[in-house]
């Protein structure tokens, strides 16, 4: 099967390429998903049968100051990729986020719950879901949450666990929010599930996350414990950190359509073992 991975330089895209070693993997420098001519040229050359769109603008705080860039990449670009898949008869797996919800309900969000993003990033991703659905009825849209991986996010300076370890190494005070809850999801597990769902012909919106939820401060402490680093973590509220973008307090997802991935602690342990084996990687 001819597979095209967009956003291949990121933590999820790099895992998709690992799963499909014969795939054509393109980083942002190779192809911008807002470049219609480039998209058409690429599809004509690669003739993909399956496309994984891992490309995104995921600077949550940055989107508040630059919502147009977030919209162009996450919405317009996503729609352009879906339209190209329709023209070239390719299947599409597109990735979205828990930020499409407002986080106000007490239980994890499932696929049928109403959306209501709080900030520019979430709005751009929700608009992207709609653009994909409008352009390609058979697309698969995977919503996920708090993805961390062996490579890390270049925009964010590495995955959350890697950033915590780096700050601990530098002797920085670790102040981490305790009132935002998520499913920390290991990119390698997510990539495997995405490949399996695509192979099974799944379409529509589906939530794919690790089993279990935790607050970010709990994830920070678990990371330090897994890596045998004895540094304290100070728990603070979202209001005390005052990020530029509003974030859902309940960012936990569940699914009515598929089983969860392995528990987040298992994913974290696997990440830590891989890190110990190869050493930390730069984003």
Protein backbone atom coordinates (compact mmCIF):
# COMPACT_ATOMS: atom_id res chain seq x y z
CA UNK A 1 0.00 0.00 0.00
CA UNK A 2 1.25 3.47 -0.87
CA UNK A 3 1.19 5.55 2.33
CA UNK A 4 1.81 9.28 2.73
CA UNK A 5 2.54 10.76 6.16
CA UNK A 6 2.24 14.53 6.51
CA UNK A 7 3.90 16.14 9.51
CA UNK A 8 6.45 13.32 9.56
CA UNK A 9 8.90 15.32 11.65
CA UNK A 10 6.68 15.44 14.73
CA UNK A 11 6.26 13.01 17.58
CA UNK A 12 3.20 11.29 16.04
CA UNK A 13 4.23 11.57 12.39
CA UNK A 14 7.62 10.02 13.13
CA UNK A 15 5.87 7.06 14.76
CA UNK A 16 3.63 6.62 11.70
CA UNK A 17 6.73 6.49 9.50
CA UNK A 18 8.26 3.93 11.86
CA UNK A 19 5.18 1.76 11.40
CA UNK A 20 5.18 2.20 7.64
CA UNK A 21 8.88 2.20 6.68
CA UNK A 22 8.03 2.31 2.97
CA UNK A 23 5.82 5.37 3.43
CA UNK A 24 6.64 8.76 1.99
CA UNK A 25 7.04 10.96 5.05
CA UNK A 26 7.01 14.72 4.52
CA UNK A 27 7.95 17.34 7.09
CA UNK A 28 6.73 20.93 7.09
CA UNK A 29 9.84 22.01 5.18
CA UNK A 30 9.03 19.46 2.49
CA UNK A 31 5.37 20.42 2.06
CA UNK A 32 3.09 22.98 3.65
CA UNK A 33 -0.46 21.68 3.85
CA UNK A 34 -1.62 25.19 2.92
CA UNK A 35 0.19 24.99 -0.45
CA UNK A 36 -2.44 23.79 -2.91
CA UNK A 37 -0.03 23.48 -5.83
CA UNK A 38 2.45 21.58 -3.68
CA UNK A 39 -0.27 19.27 -2.40
CA UNK A 40 -1.47 18.47 -5.90
CA UNK A 41 2.07 17.88 -7.14
CA UNK A 42 2.83 15.59 -4.19
CA UNK A 43 -0.33 13.55 -4.61
CA UNK A 44 0.37 13.19 -8.32
CA UNK A 45 3.87 11.92 -7.65
CA UNK A 46 3.19 9.68 -4.66
CA UNK A 47 -0.28 8.47 -5.70
CA UNK A 48 -1.10 7.58 -2.08
CA UNK A 49 -3.76 5.08 -1.16
CA UNK A 50 -3.70 6.08 2.53
CA UNK A 51 -2.79 9.46 4.02
CA UNK A 52 -2.07 10.21 7.68
CA UNK A 53 -2.35 13.95 8.30
CA UNK A 54 -0.26 14.56 11.42
CA UNK A 55 0.56 18.14 10.39
CA UNK A 56 -0.88 20.80 12.68
CA UNK A 57 -0.31 24.15 14.32
CA UNK A 58 -0.38 23.07 17.96
CA UNK A 59 1.00 26.11 19.80
CA UNK A 60 -2.03 26.54 22.05
CA UNK A 61 -0.95 29.85 23.56
CA UNK A 62 0.51 31.06 20.27
CA UNK A 63 -2.84 30.58 18.54
CA UNK A 64 -4.41 33.23 20.77
CA UNK A 65 -2.02 35.83 19.35
CA UNK A 66 -2.04 34.42 15.82
CA UNK A 67 -5.43 32.80 15.21
CA UNK A 68 -5.12 33.22 11.45
CA UNK A 69 -2.11 30.93 11.20
CA UNK A 70 -3.88 28.35 13.36
CA UNK A 71 -6.94 28.60 11.11
CA UNK A 72 -4.95 28.29 7.90
CA UNK A 73 -3.08 25.18 9.00
CA UNK A 74 -5.63 23.39 11.18
CA UNK A 75 -8.76 24.20 9.21
CA UNK A 76 -8.03 25.36 5.67
CA UNK A 77 -5.02 23.10 5.23
CA UNK A 78 -6.84 20.09 6.66
CA UNK A 79 -9.69 20.68 4.22
CA UNK A 80 -7.26 20.96 1.31
CA UNK A 81 -5.67 17.62 2.20
CA UNK A 82 -9.11 15.98 2.43
CA UNK A 83 -10.12 17.43 -0.94
CA UNK A 84 -6.90 16.09 -2.48
CA UNK A 85 -7.66 12.66 -1.02
CA UNK A 86 -11.10 12.78 -2.63
CA UNK A 87 -9.70 13.75 -6.03
CA UNK A 88 -7.01 11.06 -5.90
CA UNK A 89 -9.21 8.39 -4.28
CA UNK A 90 -7.06 8.05 -1.18
CA UNK A 91 -8.24 7.27 2.33
CA UNK A 92 -7.48 9.84 5.04
CA UNK A 93 -6.73 9.64 8.75
CA UNK A 94 -6.78 13.12 10.29
CA UNK A 95 -5.89 13.89 13.92
CA UNK A 96 -7.78 16.28 16.19
CA UNK A 97 -7.83 17.14 19.87
CA UNK A 98 -9.66 17.20 23.19
CA UNK A 99 -9.54 21.01 22.94
CA UNK A 100 -12.71 20.91 20.86
CA UNK A 101 -14.56 20.54 24.20
CA UNK A 102 -14.98 23.17 26.91
CA UNK A 103 -14.09 20.83 29.78
CA UNK A 104 -17.10 21.72 31.91
CA UNK A 105 -18.66 18.29 32.36
CA UNK A 106 -17.67 15.88 35.10
CA UNK A 107 -17.09 12.71 33.05
CA UNK A 108 -14.79 12.04 30.10
CA UNK A 109 -16.09 13.28 26.76
CA UNK A 110 -17.31 10.77 24.17
CA UNK A 111 -17.82 11.21 20.45
CA UNK A 112 -21.47 12.22 20.72
CA UNK A 113 -20.95 15.00 23.29
CA UNK A 114 -21.47 18.58 22.07
CA UNK A 115 -18.33 20.50 21.25
CA UNK A 116 -17.51 23.99 22.52
CA UNK A 117 -13.85 25.02 22.22
CA UNK A 118 -12.62 27.71 24.59
CA UNK A 119 -9.78 29.21 22.53
CA UNK A 120 -8.42 29.83 19.06
CA UNK A 121 -6.53 26.55 18.87
CA UNK A 122 -9.59 24.47 19.73
CA UNK A 123 -11.77 26.44 17.31
CA UNK A 124 -9.28 25.92 14.50
CA UNK A 125 -9.14 22.18 15.14
CA UNK A 126 -12.93 21.86 15.28
CA UNK A 127 -13.23 23.83 12.05
CA UNK A 128 -10.65 21.45 10.61
CA UNK A 129 -12.78 18.45 11.54
CA UNK A 130 -15.71 20.03 9.73
CA UNK A 131 -13.62 20.93 6.70
CA UNK A 132 -12.39 17.34 6.46
CA UNK A 133 -15.90 15.91 6.77
CA UNK A 134 -17.24 18.32 4.15
CA UNK A 135 -14.51 17.44 1.67
CA UNK A 136 -14.30 13.69 2.25
CA UNK A 137 -17.24 11.79 3.68
CA UNK A 138 -15.22 8.63 4.37
CA UNK A 139 -12.41 10.27 6.34
CA UNK A 140 -11.39 9.03 9.78
CA UNK A 141 -10.92 11.80 12.37
CA UNK A 142 -9.10 10.70 15.51
CA UNK A 143 -9.41 12.94 18.54
CA UNK A 144 -6.72 12.39 21.13
CA UNK A 145 -5.23 14.12 24.17
CA UNK A 146 -1.90 15.08 25.79
CA UNK A 147 0.26 13.19 23.32
CA UNK A 148 3.87 12.59 24.33
CA UNK A 149 6.50 10.76 22.36
CA UNK A 150 10.10 9.79 21.92
CA UNK A 151 10.73 12.69 19.57
CA UNK A 152 8.78 15.50 21.21
CA UNK A 153 7.06 18.59 19.85
CA UNK A 154 9.40 21.13 18.23
CA UNK A 155 6.94 23.97 18.87
CA UNK A 156 6.74 23.18 22.57
CA UNK A 157 10.41 22.37 23.03
CA UNK A 158 9.93 18.63 23.50
CA UNK A 159 7.23 16.42 24.93
CA UNK A 160 5.84 17.25 28.38
CA UNK A 161 7.79 14.50 30.20
CA UNK A 162 11.02 15.55 28.47
CA UNK A 163 10.46 19.19 29.38
CA UNK A 164 9.87 18.27 33.02
CA UNK A 165 13.11 16.30 33.12
CA UNK A 166 15.02 19.12 31.44
CA UNK A 167 13.72 21.66 33.92
CA UNK A 168 14.57 19.34 36.81
CA UNK A 169 18.08 18.90 35.42
CA UNK A 170 18.53 22.68 35.31
CA UNK A 171 17.36 23.00 38.90
CA UNK A 172 14.27 25.02 37.98
CA UNK A 173 11.30 25.11 40.30
CA UNK A 174 8.63 22.78 38.96
CA UNK A 175 5.22 24.44 39.23
CA UNK A 176 2.60 22.29 37.46
CA UNK A 177 -1.17 22.66 37.26
CA UNK A 178 -3.29 20.34 39.36
CA UNK A 179 -6.78 21.28 38.12
CA UNK A 180 -6.49 20.26 34.44
CA UNK A 181 -7.06 16.57 33.78
CA UNK A 182 -6.11 14.66 30.62
CA UNK A 183 -5.36 11.19 29.25
CA UNK A 184 -1.56 11.25 28.71
CA UNK A 185 -1.27 9.31 25.44
CA UNK A 186 1.95 7.73 24.20
CA UNK A 187 2.49 8.54 20.52
CA UNK A 188 3.71 5.02 19.72
CA UNK A 189 0.49 3.49 21.08
CA UNK A 190 -1.62 6.09 19.25
CA UNK A 191 0.15 5.43 15.95
CA UNK A 192 -0.45 1.70 16.23
CA UNK A 193 -4.13 2.22 16.95
CA UNK A 194 -4.48 4.67 14.04
CA UNK A 195 -2.95 2.15 11.66
CA UNK A 196 -5.25 -0.61 12.91
CA UNK A 197 -8.36 1.56 12.64
CA UNK A 198 -7.43 2.58 9.12
CA UNK A 199 -6.85 -1.06 8.15
CA UNK A 200 -10.28 -1.91 9.55
CA UNK A 201 -12.00 0.72 7.44
CA UNK A 202 -13.15 2.91 10.34
CA UNK A 203 -14.58 6.30 9.34
CA UNK A 204 -16.06 9.30 11.14
CA UNK A 205 -14.97 10.76 14.47
CA UNK A 206 -13.43 8.53 17.11
CA UNK A 207 -11.64 9.15 20.40
CA UNK A 208 -8.33 7.31 20.84
CA UNK A 209 -6.54 7.91 24.13
CA UNK A 210 -4.75 6.07 26.90
CA UNK A 211 -6.84 4.46 29.59
CA UNK A 212 -7.15 6.63 32.68
CA UNK A 213 -6.91 10.33 33.40
CA UNK A 214 -4.66 12.38 35.62
CA UNK A 215 -3.75 15.96 36.38
CA UNK A 216 -0.59 17.42 34.85
CA UNK A 217 1.15 17.56 38.24
CA UNK A 218 0.54 13.83 38.70
CA UNK A 219 2.04 13.19 35.27
CA UNK A 220 5.06 15.30 36.21
CA UNK A 221 5.64 13.33 39.42
CA UNK A 222 5.19 10.03 37.62
CA UNK A 223 7.73 11.09 34.99
CA UNK A 224 10.32 11.96 37.62
CA UNK A 225 9.66 8.69 39.42
CA UNK A 226 10.02 6.61 36.23
CA UNK A 227 13.34 8.30 35.51
CA UNK A 228 14.56 8.07 39.13
CA UNK A 229 14.80 11.84 39.56
CA UNK A 230 14.13 13.03 43.10
CA UNK A 231 12.78 16.56 42.61
CA UNK A 232 9.67 18.09 44.16
CA UNK A 233 6.71 19.26 42.08
CA UNK A 234 4.64 22.18 43.36
CA UNK A 235 0.93 21.89 42.52
CA UNK A 236 -0.69 25.12 41.34
CA UNK A 237 -4.00 26.11 39.82
CA UNK A 238 -4.58 27.20 36.24
CA UNK A 239 -5.26 30.69 37.54
CA UNK A 240 -1.89 30.84 39.26
CA UNK A 241 -0.01 29.99 36.05
CA UNK A 242 -2.28 32.18 33.92
CA UNK A 243 -1.50 30.87 30.44
CA UNK A 244 -2.53 33.03 27.52
CA UNK A 245 -5.02 30.50 26.16
CA UNK A 246 -7.94 29.08 28.15
CA UNK A 247 -7.72 25.34 28.58
CA UNK A 248 -10.44 22.79 29.42
CA UNK A 249 -10.20 21.70 33.04
CA UNK A 250 -11.63 18.33 32.09
CA UNK A 251 -9.69 17.31 28.99
CA UNK A 252 -10.38 13.61 29.46
CA UNK A 253 -11.77 11.59 26.55
CA UNK A 254 -13.47 8.20 26.33
CA UNK A 255 -14.94 6.35 23.38
CA UNK A 256 -18.19 4.70 22.42
CA UNK A 257 -16.52 3.20 19.34
CA UNK A 258 -13.24 1.60 20.42
CA UNK A 259 -11.35 0.33 23.47
CA UNK A 260 -8.82 2.63 25.11
CA UNK A 261 -5.10 2.33 24.59
CA UNK A 262 -2.95 0.83 27.37
CA UNK A 263 -3.05 2.81 30.65
CA UNK A 264 -1.11 6.05 30.60
CA UNK A 265 1.31 4.78 33.24
CA UNK A 266 2.21 1.90 30.91
CA UNK A 267 2.85 4.33 28.07
CA UNK A 268 4.99 6.50 30.32
CA UNK A 269 7.02 3.48 31.47
CA UNK A 270 7.61 2.44 27.86
CA UNK A 271 8.62 6.00 26.96
CA UNK A 272 11.07 6.10 29.88
CA UNK A 273 12.56 2.72 28.91
CA UNK A 274 13.06 3.85 25.31
CA UNK A 275 14.62 7.09 26.53
CA UNK A 276 17.02 5.20 28.76
CA UNK A 277 17.97 2.90 25.88
CA UNK A 278 18.71 5.59 23.29
CA UNK A 279 19.11 8.74 25.37
CA UNK A 280 17.03 11.91 25.17
CA UNK A 281 16.21 13.14 21.66
CA UNK A 282 15.91 16.70 20.49
CA UNK A 283 12.56 17.85 19.11
